[in-house]
Amino acid sequence: MTGQRFAARLQGEVELDLCFTCQGIWFDDFESLQITPGGIIELFRLIHAHRDDLRQPLADVLRCPRCDERLLHAMDRVKSGPFNYHRCLQQHGRFTSFAQFMIEKGFVRQLTGAEVDELKARVEVVRCASCGAPVDIRKDNACGHCRSPIAILDPDAVEQALATYHQAEVKRTTRNPEALAEAILHTERQRGERQGLLDRDIGDLAGDLVVAGVEIVWGVFRR
């Protein structure tokens, strides 16, 4: 695997291990959640740049690169549908294919039943986007090897996801005086109500920038 560094949400960087031959990513702990929106966009570009690399199917048994124990197949669900991955029982991390990562981040959607039926009329066998195994779509609606649903890279989904991550990155890296002022006023109003200072002009209250910053961060976490 090749180590690639991406900006982390709180501070510093996240180093992900990428394998372009098997088209997979190893995430230590919660690294998938630590990447900034800009980092997700950069990772998507990197996956696109290596789209034509020689690919080999995943092994039947995947092992943790940290402890060498067998990885356990697992599934989760996001708005764009279910996605699967392989996790270490010792909590060292998880292995996710490029396709499943893109489902998780909203770049890929699963085909509807009608779309699969239409595809059957023209194509009999497709390759699983997750593990590379052949899928006879005349008989199966999911990969018989890794159980991944048949998925497609939807241009509309990509455009929407990129726009969302771009906006989130701009918001993350831009200081917003208006949001800070609103947080100060909100914090001071709450403090005034607790202290029975309802008749006091809110403009006379001194705002604490640190407390206001905490209010902003907490608001982001709640969303």
Protein backbone atom coordinates (compact mmCIF):
# COMPACT_ATOMS: atom_id res chain seq x y z
CA MET A 1 0.00 0.00 0.00
CA THR A 2 1.00 3.61 -0.59
CA GLY A 3 0.64 6.20 2.17
CA GLN A 4 -1.19 9.41 1.20
CA ARG A 5 -1.68 12.39 3.49
CA PHE A 6 -4.87 14.44 3.70
CA ALA A 7 -5.91 17.34 5.92
CA ALA A 8 -7.65 16.33 9.17
CA ARG A 9 -10.80 18.01 10.45
CA LEU A 10 -9.44 19.15 13.79
CA GLN A 11 -5.75 19.64 13.09
CA GLY A 12 -2.77 18.06 11.38
CA GLU A 13 -3.09 15.36 8.74
CA VAL A 14 -4.54 11.92 8.23
CA GLU A 15 -2.35 9.35 6.48
CA LEU A 16 -4.35 6.77 4.57
CA ASP A 17 -2.93 3.57 3.06
CA LEU A 18 -4.08 3.13 -0.55
CA CYS A 19 -3.70 0.16 -2.86
CA PHE A 20 -4.40 1.07 -6.49
CA THR A 21 -3.95 -2.53 -7.65
CA CYS A 22 -6.77 -3.84 -5.46
CA GLN A 23 -8.52 -0.43 -5.42
CA GLY A 24 -8.85 -0.30 -1.66
CA ILE A 25 -8.20 1.97 1.33
CA TRP A 26 -7.09 1.03 4.82
CA PHE A 27 -8.47 3.31 7.54
CA ASP A 28 -6.93 3.23 11.00
CA ASP A 29 -9.57 3.74 13.72
CA PHE A 30 -11.95 6.54 12.63
CA GLU A 31 -9.82 8.08 9.87
CA SER A 32 -12.73 7.95 7.41
CA LEU A 33 -14.57 10.48 9.59
CA GLN A 34 -11.49 12.63 10.22
CA ILE A 35 -10.83 13.64 6.61
CA THR A 36 -11.84 17.19 5.75
CA PRO A 37 -14.31 17.83 2.91
CA GLY A 38 -11.36 19.10 0.86
CA GLY A 39 -9.51 15.88 1.61
CA ILE A 40 -12.45 13.81 0.37
CA ILE A 41 -12.44 15.78 -2.90
CA GLU A 42 -8.68 15.26 -3.23
CA LEU A 43 -9.08 11.52 -2.57
CA PHE A 44 -11.81 11.32 -5.22
CA ARG A 45 -9.46 13.01 -7.71
CA LEU A 46 -6.72 10.54 -6.82
CA ILE A 47 -9.05 7.58 -7.36
CA HIS A 48 -10.04 9.05 -10.73
CA ALA A 49 -6.40 9.54 -11.73
CA HIS A 50 -5.71 5.81 -11.15
CA ARG A 51 -8.95 4.54 -12.71
CA ASP A 52 -7.06 2.75 -15.54
CA ASP A 53 -4.44 1.07 -13.35
CA LEU A 54 -4.09 -2.70 -13.70
CA ARG A 55 -6.49 -4.27 -11.21
CA GLN A 56 -6.58 -7.63 -9.50
CA PRO A 57 -9.55 -9.13 -7.60
CA LEU A 58 -9.53 -9.09 -3.81
CA ALA A 59 -8.37 -12.20 -2.01
CA ASP A 60 -11.01 -14.51 -0.53
CA VAL A 61 -9.56 -13.86 2.92
CA LEU A 62 -8.47 -10.32 3.85
CA ARG A 63 -6.14 -9.82 6.80
CA CYS A 64 -5.42 -6.86 9.03
CA PRO A 65 -2.12 -5.17 8.07
CA ARG A 66 -1.50 -4.42 11.76
CA CYS A 67 -2.13 -7.76 13.51
CA ASP A 68 -2.58 -10.15 10.54
CA GLU A 69 -5.92 -11.44 11.87
CA ARG A 70 -8.73 -12.22 9.44
CA LEU A 71 -10.96 -9.21 8.71
CA LEU A 72 -14.69 -9.52 9.34
CA HIS A 73 -17.16 -8.48 6.64
CA ALA A 74 -19.51 -5.72 7.83
CA MET A 75 -22.18 -3.46 6.38
CA ASP A 76 -23.47 0.02 7.16
CA ARG A 77 -25.93 2.42 5.56
CA VAL A 78 -25.83 6.06 4.43
CA LYS A 79 -28.24 8.19 2.39
CA SER A 80 -26.92 6.82 -0.90
CA GLY A 81 -27.56 3.25 0.25
CA PRO A 82 -25.82 0.38 2.07
CA PHE A 83 -22.06 -0.06 1.78
CA ASN A 84 -19.75 -2.78 3.02
CA TYR A 85 -16.23 -3.04 4.34
CA HIS A 86 -13.97 -5.43 6.25
CA ARG A 87 -13.02 -4.56 9.82
CA CYS A 88 -10.41 -5.80 12.27
CA LEU A 89 -11.84 -7.49 15.37
CA GLN A 90 -8.97 -5.98 17.37
CA GLN A 91 -10.23 -2.51 16.32
CA HIS A 92 -7.10 -1.65 14.36
CA GLY A 93 -9.16 -0.29 11.49
CA ARG A 94 -11.02 -1.30 8.36
CA PHE A 95 -10.46 -2.02 4.68
CA THR A 96 -12.84 -0.37 2.19
CA SER A 97 -12.82 -0.63 -1.58
CA PHE A 98 -12.80 2.56 -3.65
CA ALA A 99 -16.34 1.86 -4.85
CA GLN A 100 -17.70 1.33 -1.34
CA PHE A 101 -15.92 4.46 -0.10
CA MET A 102 -17.57 6.46 -2.88
CA ILE A 103 -20.97 5.04 -1.89
CA GLU A 104 -20.28 6.06 1.71
CA LYS A 105 -19.39 9.60 0.63
CA GLY A 106 -22.31 10.00 -1.79
CA PHE A 107 -20.53 9.75 -5.17
CA VAL A 108 -22.09 6.42 -6.17
CA ARG A 109 -25.66 5.16 -6.05
CA GLN A 110 -27.11 1.69 -6.35
CA LEU A 111 -29.12 0.82 -9.45
CA THR A 112 -32.88 0.52 -9.10
CA GLY A 113 -34.67 -2.69 -10.05
CA ALA A 114 -35.91 -1.11 -13.30
CA GLU A 115 -32.38 0.00 -14.21
CA VAL A 116 -31.00 -3.48 -13.53
CA ASP A 117 -33.72 -5.01 -15.74
CA GLU A 118 -32.87 -2.59 -18.55
CA LEU A 119 -29.19 -3.44 -18.19
CA LYS A 120 -29.95 -7.17 -18.35
CA ALA A 121 -31.42 -6.75 -21.84
CA ARG A 122 -28.09 -5.47 -23.15
CA VAL A 123 -25.37 -6.85 -20.87
CA GLU A 124 -25.33 -10.26 -19.21
CA VAL A 125 -22.31 -10.02 -16.93
CA VAL A 126 -20.74 -7.04 -15.19
CA ARG A 127 -17.82 -6.78 -12.82
CA CYS A 128 -18.43 -5.97 -9.18
CA ALA A 129 -17.24 -2.41 -8.52
CA SER A 130 -16.18 -3.45 -5.04
CA CYS A 131 -14.13 -6.64 -5.46
CA GLY A 132 -13.87 -7.11 -9.23
CA ALA A 133 -15.67 -10.46 -9.34
CA PRO A 134 -18.03 -11.16 -12.28
CA VAL A 135 -21.76 -10.78 -11.56
CA ASP A 136 -24.36 -12.44 -13.79
CA ILE A 137 -27.09 -9.82 -13.56
CA ARG A 138 -29.57 -12.21 -15.22
CA LYS A 139 -29.56 -14.17 -11.95
CA ASP A 140 -28.12 -11.91 -9.26
CA ASN A 141 -28.77 -8.34 -8.13
CA ALA A 142 -25.64 -8.31 -5.96
CA CYS A 143 -22.12 -9.73 -6.04
CA GLY A 144 -22.04 -13.36 -4.95
CA HIS A 145 -18.46 -12.92 -3.68
CA CYS A 146 -18.66 -9.81 -1.46
CA ARG A 147 -22.45 -9.23 -1.48
CA SER A 148 -22.11 -5.66 -2.77
CA PRO A 149 -25.19 -4.32 -4.61
CA ILE A 150 -24.73 -3.35 -8.25
CA ALA A 151 -23.74 0.31 -8.24
CA ILE A 152 -23.08 3.04 -10.78
CA LEU A 153 -21.08 6.25 -10.69
CA ASP A 154 -23.91 8.73 -11.15
CA PRO A 155 -22.76 12.07 -12.71
CA ASP A 156 -25.55 13.91 -10.90
CA ALA A 157 -24.58 12.30 -7.59
CA VAL A 158 -20.90 13.18 -8.19
CA GLU A 159 -21.74 16.79 -9.02
CA GLN A 160 -23.94 17.16 -5.97
CA ALA A 161 -21.44 15.47 -3.65
CA LEU A 162 -18.52 17.58 -4.93
CA ALA A 163 -20.57 20.78 -4.51
CA THR A 164 -21.52 19.79 -0.95
CA TYR A 165 -17.94 18.97 0.05
CA HIS A 166 -16.64 22.12 -1.62
CA GLN A 167 -19.10 24.31 0.29
CA ALA A 168 -18.25 22.51 3.53
CA GLU A 169 -14.52 23.03 2.91
CA VAL A 170 -15.01 26.75 2.20
CA LYS A 171 -17.05 27.08 5.38
CA ARG A 172 -14.46 25.14 7.38
CA THR A 173 -11.53 27.26 6.23
CA THR A 174 -13.23 30.67 6.32
CA ARG A 175 -13.57 32.66 9.51
CA ASN A 176 -17.10 34.00 9.76
CA PRO A 177 -17.35 37.17 11.89
CA GLU A 178 -21.14 37.20 11.51
CA ALA A 179 -21.43 33.67 12.92
CA LEU A 180 -19.07 34.60 15.73
CA ALA A 181 -21.14 37.69 16.59
CA GLU A 182 -24.35 35.64 16.59
CA ALA A 183 -22.73 33.05 18.86
CA ILE A 184 -21.64 35.79 21.28
CA LEU A 185 -25.15 37.26 21.42
CA HIS A 186 -26.74 33.84 21.84
CA THR A 187 -24.35 32.88 24.64
CA GLU A 188 -24.82 36.16 26.46
CA ARG A 189 -28.60 35.99 26.15
CA GLN A 190 -28.56 32.56 27.74
CA ARG A 191 -26.24 33.76 30.50
CA GLY A 192 -28.43 36.79 31.10
CA GLU A 193 -31.55 34.64 31.37
CA ARG A 194 -29.87 32.35 33.87
CA GLN A 195 -28.73 35.32 35.95
CA GLY A 196 -32.05 37.17 35.79
CA LEU A 197 -30.62 39.97 33.63
CA LEU A 198 -33.49 40.06 31.19
CA ASP A 199 -33.84 43.83 31.51
CA ARG A 200 -30.21 44.45 30.69
CA ASP A 201 -29.31 45.66 27.21
CA ILE A 202 -27.65 42.76 25.43
CA GLY A 203 -25.33 45.21 23.72
CA ASP A 204 -23.78 46.08 27.09
CA LEU A 205 -22.69 42.53 27.70
CA ALA A 206 -19.05 41.65 26.98
CA GLY A 207 -18.70 38.65 24.68
CA ASP A 208 -16.20 35.88 25.41
CA LEU A 209 -14.62 34.80 22.11
CA VAL A 210 -13.56 31.42 23.46
CA VAL A 211 -17.04 30.61 24.79
CA ALA A 212 -18.56 31.84 21.53
CA GLY A 213 -16.17 29.62 19.58
CA VAL A 214 -17.26 26.63 21.64
CA GLU A 215 -20.89 27.51 20.85
CA ILE A 216 -20.11 27.51 17.11
CA VAL A 217 -18.25 24.17 17.27
CA TRP A 218 -21.02 22.59 19.35
CA GLY A 219 -23.58 23.79 16.82
CA VAL A 220 -21.63 22.07 14.03
CA PHE A 221 -21.48 18.81 16.01
CA ARG A 222 -25.23 18.91 16.66
CA ARG A 223 -25.93 19.24 12.94
